[in-house]
């Protein structure tokens, strides 16, 4: 996305992931050194916009992102509309609006003064979107690959984008329906696999951040525990093992790319650490199935302990 002529941009639609991606692209088009200010539409006044758009000692270009415009009151919406027709030089104004809410009627007015970026997607378009995600990473999947991924992961665009990225990286672009199904067997949540991967690679901070986000979004502690147990079990199977990944895959009932990746990870583990991780994963499995409200704490604690062992 090159630099845009219109300094006002309306990111319109209720697909949060698309809205975030479009907003990021617009910010990038404003220049690498642009200073970004984010505010909720309910906080908007003429003075607030003017202050956010005022010249900075650190950057010539400024970007003002206004969130949740659909929830703003009339005065704030009027102030924002007025700001749209009087944008200072070097300023890019991004307005995020779901298209609904109390200010649904204002969408037509924003359309007249802004470049519109649609952040919506019908269910029938998701298959093509997944295919495009693969192609943007240099992979041309068959139609059944995209269908298998959606069947395994679901229809959430954020999860699908994460899954595409992970599969392309882990399979070196050699993606088949069998690979997709092998990769996601037993756990439908991409978060669970991501958390488990980060944990066994020793990325403590990233694993914990992913765990907290997944739990906040409603991912079951049981699903995360299952993914963690599955991943730790794979490391235990392949710890100290040498040989041809393709041959080992047949013997262990695993996909070759999973064997290759896990063998690389297992090399950084010690035998004692693997044994301790297996015990932690087993204890977690029992805890999440019997401790009710303590399950989320148990998951976070286990993820931290396993990541620290790697």
Protein backbone atom coordinates (compact mmCIF):
# COMPACT_ATOMS: atom_id res chain seq x y z
CA UNK A 1 0.00 0.00 0.00
CA UNK A 2 1.73 3.16 -1.21
CA UNK A 3 1.40 6.64 0.22
CA UNK A 4 -2.21 7.85 -0.14
CA UNK A 5 -3.46 11.20 -1.41
CA UNK A 6 -6.51 11.47 0.86
CA UNK A 7 -5.37 12.06 4.46
CA UNK A 8 -8.71 10.79 5.88
CA UNK A 9 -9.41 7.05 6.00
CA UNK A 10 -12.55 5.23 7.09
CA UNK A 11 -11.93 1.62 8.16
CA UNK A 12 -15.47 0.31 7.96
CA UNK A 13 -16.71 -3.06 9.17
CA UNK A 14 -17.00 -5.42 12.11
CA UNK A 15 -14.18 -7.86 11.24
CA UNK A 16 -11.75 -6.81 13.96
CA UNK A 17 -8.73 -8.59 12.47
CA UNK A 18 -9.23 -7.00 9.04
CA UNK A 19 -9.73 -3.58 10.65
CA UNK A 20 -6.45 -3.97 12.56
CA UNK A 21 -4.57 -5.10 9.45
CA UNK A 22 -5.96 -2.26 7.31
CA UNK A 23 -5.16 0.29 10.01
CA UNK A 24 -1.59 -1.00 10.22
CA UNK A 25 -1.20 -0.75 6.44
CA UNK A 26 -2.45 2.85 6.42
CA UNK A 27 -0.08 3.77 9.25
CA UNK A 28 2.84 2.21 7.35
CA UNK A 29 1.90 4.19 4.23
CA UNK A 30 2.20 7.43 6.24
CA UNK A 31 5.96 6.92 6.53
CA UNK A 32 8.37 4.96 8.74
CA UNK A 33 8.85 7.77 11.23
CA UNK A 34 5.22 8.79 11.67
CA UNK A 35 4.08 9.45 15.21
CA UNK A 36 0.85 7.59 16.06
CA UNK A 37 -1.82 8.73 18.51
CA UNK A 38 -4.84 6.55 19.30
CA UNK A 39 -8.02 7.77 20.97
CA UNK A 40 -11.58 6.56 21.43
CA UNK A 41 -14.23 8.49 19.55
CA UNK A 42 -15.98 9.29 22.84
CA UNK A 43 -12.89 11.33 23.81
CA UNK A 44 -12.88 13.37 20.61
CA UNK A 45 -13.19 17.15 20.70
CA UNK A 46 -11.87 19.72 18.25
CA UNK A 47 -9.12 20.58 20.75
CA UNK A 48 -8.20 16.93 21.32
CA UNK A 49 -7.84 16.30 17.58
CA UNK A 50 -5.84 19.51 17.15
CA UNK A 51 -3.49 18.51 19.96
CA UNK A 52 -2.97 15.02 18.56
CA UNK A 53 -2.28 16.44 15.11
CA UNK A 54 -0.01 19.26 16.29
CA UNK A 55 3.63 19.32 15.10
CA UNK A 56 6.01 17.05 16.99
CA UNK A 57 9.67 17.50 17.85
CA UNK A 58 10.25 13.86 16.95
CA UNK A 59 8.32 13.33 13.71
CA UNK A 60 7.07 15.40 10.78
CA UNK A 61 4.26 12.98 9.92
CA UNK A 62 1.49 12.22 12.41
CA UNK A 63 -1.25 9.61 12.39
CA UNK A 64 -4.38 9.94 14.52
CA UNK A 65 -6.42 6.74 14.94
CA UNK A 66 -9.97 7.17 16.26
CA UNK A 67 -11.49 3.93 17.58
CA UNK A 68 -15.08 2.83 18.26
CA UNK A 69 -16.64 5.71 16.34
CA UNK A 70 -19.97 3.83 16.25
CA UNK A 71 -20.30 4.39 20.02
CA UNK A 72 -19.55 8.11 20.05
CA UNK A 73 -22.08 10.76 21.04
CA UNK A 74 -23.42 13.39 18.65
CA UNK A 75 -21.03 16.15 19.76
CA UNK A 76 -17.96 13.94 19.40
CA UNK A 77 -19.13 12.71 15.99
CA UNK A 78 -19.76 16.27 14.79
CA UNK A 79 -16.30 17.32 16.00
CA UNK A 80 -14.72 14.38 14.19
CA UNK A 81 -16.58 15.15 10.96
CA UNK A 82 -15.42 18.76 11.14
CA UNK A 83 -11.83 17.57 11.68
CA UNK A 84 -12.12 15.44 8.54
CA UNK A 85 -12.57 18.49 6.33
CA UNK A 86 -9.80 20.49 7.95
CA UNK A 87 -6.82 18.13 8.26
CA UNK A 88 -3.46 19.75 8.90
CA UNK A 89 -0.56 19.06 6.49
CA UNK A 90 1.39 15.91 7.34
CA UNK A 91 -1.51 14.40 9.30
CA UNK A 92 -3.28 11.13 8.47
CA UNK A 93 -6.64 10.61 10.17
CA UNK A 94 -7.95 7.03 10.51
CA UNK A 95 -11.54 6.51 11.64
CA UNK A 96 -12.60 3.02 12.70
CA UNK A 97 -16.34 2.28 12.52
CA UNK A 98 -18.12 -1.08 12.61
CA UNK A 99 -20.98 0.24 10.49
CA UNK A 100 -23.51 -0.18 13.29
CA UNK A 101 -24.09 1.39 16.70
CA UNK A 102 -25.66 4.67 17.66
CA UNK A 103 -23.74 6.54 14.95
CA UNK A 104 -24.69 4.25 12.08
CA UNK A 105 -26.25 7.21 10.26
CA UNK A 106 -22.92 9.07 10.29
CA UNK A 107 -21.28 6.46 8.05
CA UNK A 108 -22.66 8.09 4.90
CA UNK A 109 -21.13 11.43 5.95
CA UNK A 110 -17.74 9.87 6.67
CA UNK A 111 -17.84 8.12 3.28
CA UNK A 112 -18.08 11.49 1.55
CA UNK A 113 -14.86 12.83 3.05
CA UNK A 114 -12.74 9.68 3.51
CA UNK A 115 -11.09 6.93 1.53
CA UNK A 116 -13.04 3.83 2.54
CA UNK A 117 -11.38 0.53 3.48
CA UNK A 118 -13.86 -2.32 3.93
CA UNK A 119 -13.29 -4.54 6.98
CA UNK A 120 -16.12 -6.98 6.32
CA UNK A 121 -16.29 -10.51 4.98
CA UNK A 122 -19.13 -12.88 4.18
CA UNK A 123 -18.76 -16.52 5.16
CA UNK A 124 -18.76 -17.53 1.50
CA UNK A 125 -15.64 -15.40 0.92
CA UNK A 126 -13.52 -16.91 3.68
CA UNK A 127 -12.32 -19.85 1.62
CA UNK A 128 -10.92 -17.49 -1.04
CA UNK A 129 -9.40 -15.32 1.70
CA UNK A 130 -7.54 -18.31 3.19
CA UNK A 131 -6.23 -19.20 -0.28
CA UNK A 132 -5.03 -15.61 -0.73
CA UNK A 133 -3.27 -15.76 2.66
CA UNK A 134 -1.33 -18.82 1.52
CA UNK A 135 -0.46 -17.20 -1.81
CA UNK A 136 0.82 -14.05 -0.09
CA UNK A 137 3.38 -16.35 1.54
CA UNK A 138 4.41 -17.98 -1.72
CA UNK A 139 2.26 -21.12 -1.41
CA UNK A 140 -0.44 -22.13 -3.91
CA UNK A 141 -2.74 -24.50 -1.97
CA UNK A 142 -5.33 -26.79 -3.50
CA UNK A 143 -8.96 -25.92 -2.63
CA UNK A 144 -9.23 -28.87 -0.27
CA UNK A 145 -6.30 -27.57 1.82
CA UNK A 146 -8.11 -24.32 2.58
CA UNK A 147 -11.29 -26.27 3.38
CA UNK A 148 -9.41 -28.64 5.71
CA UNK A 149 -7.81 -25.72 7.54
CA UNK A 150 -11.16 -24.01 8.08
CA UNK A 151 -12.62 -27.30 9.29
CA UNK A 152 -9.79 -27.69 11.81
CA UNK A 153 -9.45 -24.08 12.96
CA UNK A 154 -12.84 -22.48 12.43
CA UNK A 155 -13.88 -19.29 10.66
CA UNK A 156 -12.15 -16.65 12.81
CA UNK A 157 -9.83 -14.68 10.50
CA UNK A 158 -7.21 -14.01 13.15
CA UNK A 159 -6.92 -17.72 13.94
CA UNK A 160 -6.88 -18.64 10.25
CA UNK A 161 -4.11 -16.12 9.50
CA UNK A 162 -2.07 -17.47 12.41
CA UNK A 163 -2.62 -21.04 11.23
CA UNK A 164 -1.57 -20.23 7.66
CA UNK A 165 1.60 -18.52 8.86
CA UNK A 166 2.46 -21.39 11.19
CA UNK A 167 1.82 -24.11 8.61
CA UNK A 168 3.85 -22.39 5.90
CA UNK A 169 6.77 -21.93 8.30
CA UNK A 170 6.67 -25.46 9.70
CA UNK A 171 6.11 -27.33 6.44
CA UNK A 172 8.44 -25.19 4.32
CA UNK A 173 5.49 -24.64 1.99
CA UNK A 174 4.76 -28.33 1.40
CA UNK A 175 1.14 -28.29 2.55
CA UNK A 176 -1.41 -31.03 1.98
CA UNK A 177 -4.75 -31.95 3.51
CA UNK A 178 -3.02 -34.75 5.43
CA UNK A 179 -0.49 -32.27 6.83
CA UNK A 180 -3.23 -29.92 7.99
CA UNK A 181 -5.20 -32.68 9.69
CA UNK A 182 -2.14 -34.23 11.29
CA UNK A 183 -1.07 -30.85 12.60
CA UNK A 184 -4.37 -30.04 14.25
CA UNK A 185 -5.51 -33.48 15.39
CA UNK A 186 -7.08 -33.40 18.84
CA UNK A 187 -6.98 -29.63 19.33
CA UNK A 188 -9.14 -27.28 17.31
CA UNK A 189 -7.74 -24.11 18.87
CA UNK A 190 -4.72 -22.58 17.15
CA UNK A 191 -3.91 -20.78 20.42
CA UNK A 192 -3.23 -24.08 22.14
CA UNK A 193 -0.63 -25.12 19.57
CA UNK A 194 0.94 -21.68 19.54
CA UNK A 195 1.25 -21.65 23.33
CA UNK A 196 2.71 -25.17 23.38
CA UNK A 197 5.21 -24.32 20.63
CA UNK A 198 6.39 -21.19 22.44
CA UNK A 199 6.67 -23.08 25.74
CA UNK A 200 8.80 -25.99 24.50
CA UNK A 201 11.06 -23.52 22.66
CA UNK A 202 11.70 -21.70 25.94
CA UNK A 203 10.04 -18.43 24.96
CA UNK A 204 8.70 -17.67 28.42
CA UNK A 205 7.31 -14.18 27.86
CA UNK A 206 5.66 -14.97 24.53
CA UNK A 207 4.19 -18.22 25.85
CA UNK A 208 2.68 -16.49 28.87
CA UNK A 209 1.33 -13.59 26.79
CA UNK A 210 -0.31 -16.03 24.37
CA UNK A 211 -1.75 -18.01 27.29
CA UNK A 212 -3.34 -14.95 28.88
CA UNK A 213 -4.76 -13.77 25.56
CA UNK A 214 -6.19 -17.20 24.76
CA UNK A 215 -7.84 -17.50 28.18
CA UNK A 216 -9.27 -13.98 27.89
CA UNK A 217 -10.76 -14.90 24.52
CA UNK A 218 -12.44 -17.94 26.03
CA UNK A 219 -10.13 -20.77 25.01
CA UNK A 220 -10.73 -23.74 27.29
CA UNK A 221 -7.95 -24.47 29.81
CA UNK A 222 -8.53 -28.14 28.98
CA UNK A 223 -7.71 -27.46 25.30
CA UNK A 224 -4.50 -25.61 26.20
CA UNK A 225 -3.50 -28.38 28.62
CA UNK A 226 -4.14 -30.98 25.91
CA UNK A 227 -1.98 -29.12 23.39
CA UNK A 228 0.78 -28.66 25.95
CA UNK A 229 0.68 -32.33 26.90
CA UNK A 230 0.72 -33.35 23.25
CA UNK A 231 3.73 -31.14 22.48
CA UNK A 232 5.70 -32.20 25.58
CA UNK A 233 4.93 -35.83 24.70
CA UNK A 234 6.37 -35.30 21.21
CA UNK A 235 9.55 -33.80 22.68
CA UNK A 236 9.84 -36.78 25.03
CA UNK A 237 9.42 -39.24 22.14
CA UNK A 238 12.15 -37.59 20.10
CA UNK A 239 14.58 -36.53 22.83
CA UNK A 240 18.00 -38.02 22.04
CA UNK A 241 16.69 -39.69 18.88
CA UNK A 242 18.75 -39.59 15.70
CA UNK A 243 17.72 -40.80 12.29
CA UNK A 244 15.78 -40.07 9.14
CA UNK A 245 12.70 -37.95 9.96
CA UNK A 246 10.65 -39.65 7.24
CA UNK A 247 11.44 -43.10 8.61
CA UNK A 248 10.85 -42.00 12.21
CA UNK A 249 7.53 -40.46 11.20
CA UNK A 250 6.32 -43.83 9.97
CA UNK A 251 7.47 -45.59 13.14
CA UNK A 252 5.94 -43.00 15.49
CA UNK A 253 2.77 -42.25 13.55
CA UNK A 254 3.70 -38.57 13.16
CA UNK A 255 3.94 -36.33 10.12
CA UNK A 256 7.52 -35.86 8.81
CA UNK A 257 7.48 -32.07 9.22
CA UNK A 258 6.34 -32.44 12.84
CA UNK A 259 9.19 -34.90 13.44
CA UNK A 260 11.77 -32.55 11.89
CA UNK A 261 10.60 -29.56 13.89
CA UNK A 262 10.34 -31.48 17.17
CA UNK A 263 13.79 -33.03 16.77
CA UNK A 264 15.26 -29.54 16.45
CA UNK A 265 13.43 -28.37 19.58
CA UNK A 266 14.34 -31.51 21.57
CA UNK A 267 18.06 -30.87 21.07
CA UNK A 268 17.92 -27.89 23.44
CA UNK A 269 16.40 -29.99 26.26
CA UNK A 270 18.14 -32.07 28.92
CA UNK A 271 16.91 -35.50 29.96
CA UNK A 272 15.99 -34.28 33.46
CA UNK A 273 14.09 -31.31 32.05
CA UNK A 274 12.09 -33.56 29.70
CA UNK A 275 11.14 -35.85 32.60
CA UNK A 276 10.06 -32.89 34.73
CA UNK A 277 8.04 -31.38 31.86
CA UNK A 278 6.19 -34.67 31.35
CA UNK A 279 5.27 -34.69 35.06
CA UNK A 280 4.12 -31.04 34.92
CA UNK A 281 1.96 -31.72 31.86
CA UNK A 282 0.38 -34.79 33.51
CA UNK A 283 -0.33 -32.87 36.70
CA UNK A 284 -1.84 -30.03 34.69
CA UNK A 285 -4.16 -32.42 32.86
CA UNK A 286 -5.51 -33.64 36.20
CA UNK A 287 -5.79 -30.12 37.64
CA UNK A 288 -7.75 -28.54 34.77
CA UNK A 289 -10.28 -31.36 34.84
CA UNK A 290 -10.94 -31.10 38.55
CA UNK A 291 -10.15 -27.68 39.98
CA UNK A 292 -12.88 -25.43 38.52
CA UNK A 293 -11.88 -21.81 38.97
CA UNK A 294 -8.23 -22.68 39.57
CA UNK A 295 -7.81 -24.14 36.07
CA UNK A 296 -6.65 -20.90 34.45
CA UNK A 297 -4.01 -20.31 37.12
CA UNK A 298 -2.84 -23.92 36.77
CA UNK A 299 -2.45 -23.53 32.99
CA UNK A 300 -0.47 -20.31 33.25
CA UNK A 301 1.78 -21.76 35.96
CA UNK A 302 2.47 -24.93 33.96
CA UNK A 303 3.25 -22.97 30.77
CA UNK A 304 5.74 -20.82 32.68
CA UNK A 305 7.44 -23.80 34.37
CA UNK A 306 7.77 -25.78 31.13
CA UNK A 307 9.08 -22.77 29.18
CA UNK A 308 11.68 -22.15 31.90
CA UNK A 309 12.86 -25.76 31.62
CA UNK A 310 13.59 -25.52 27.88
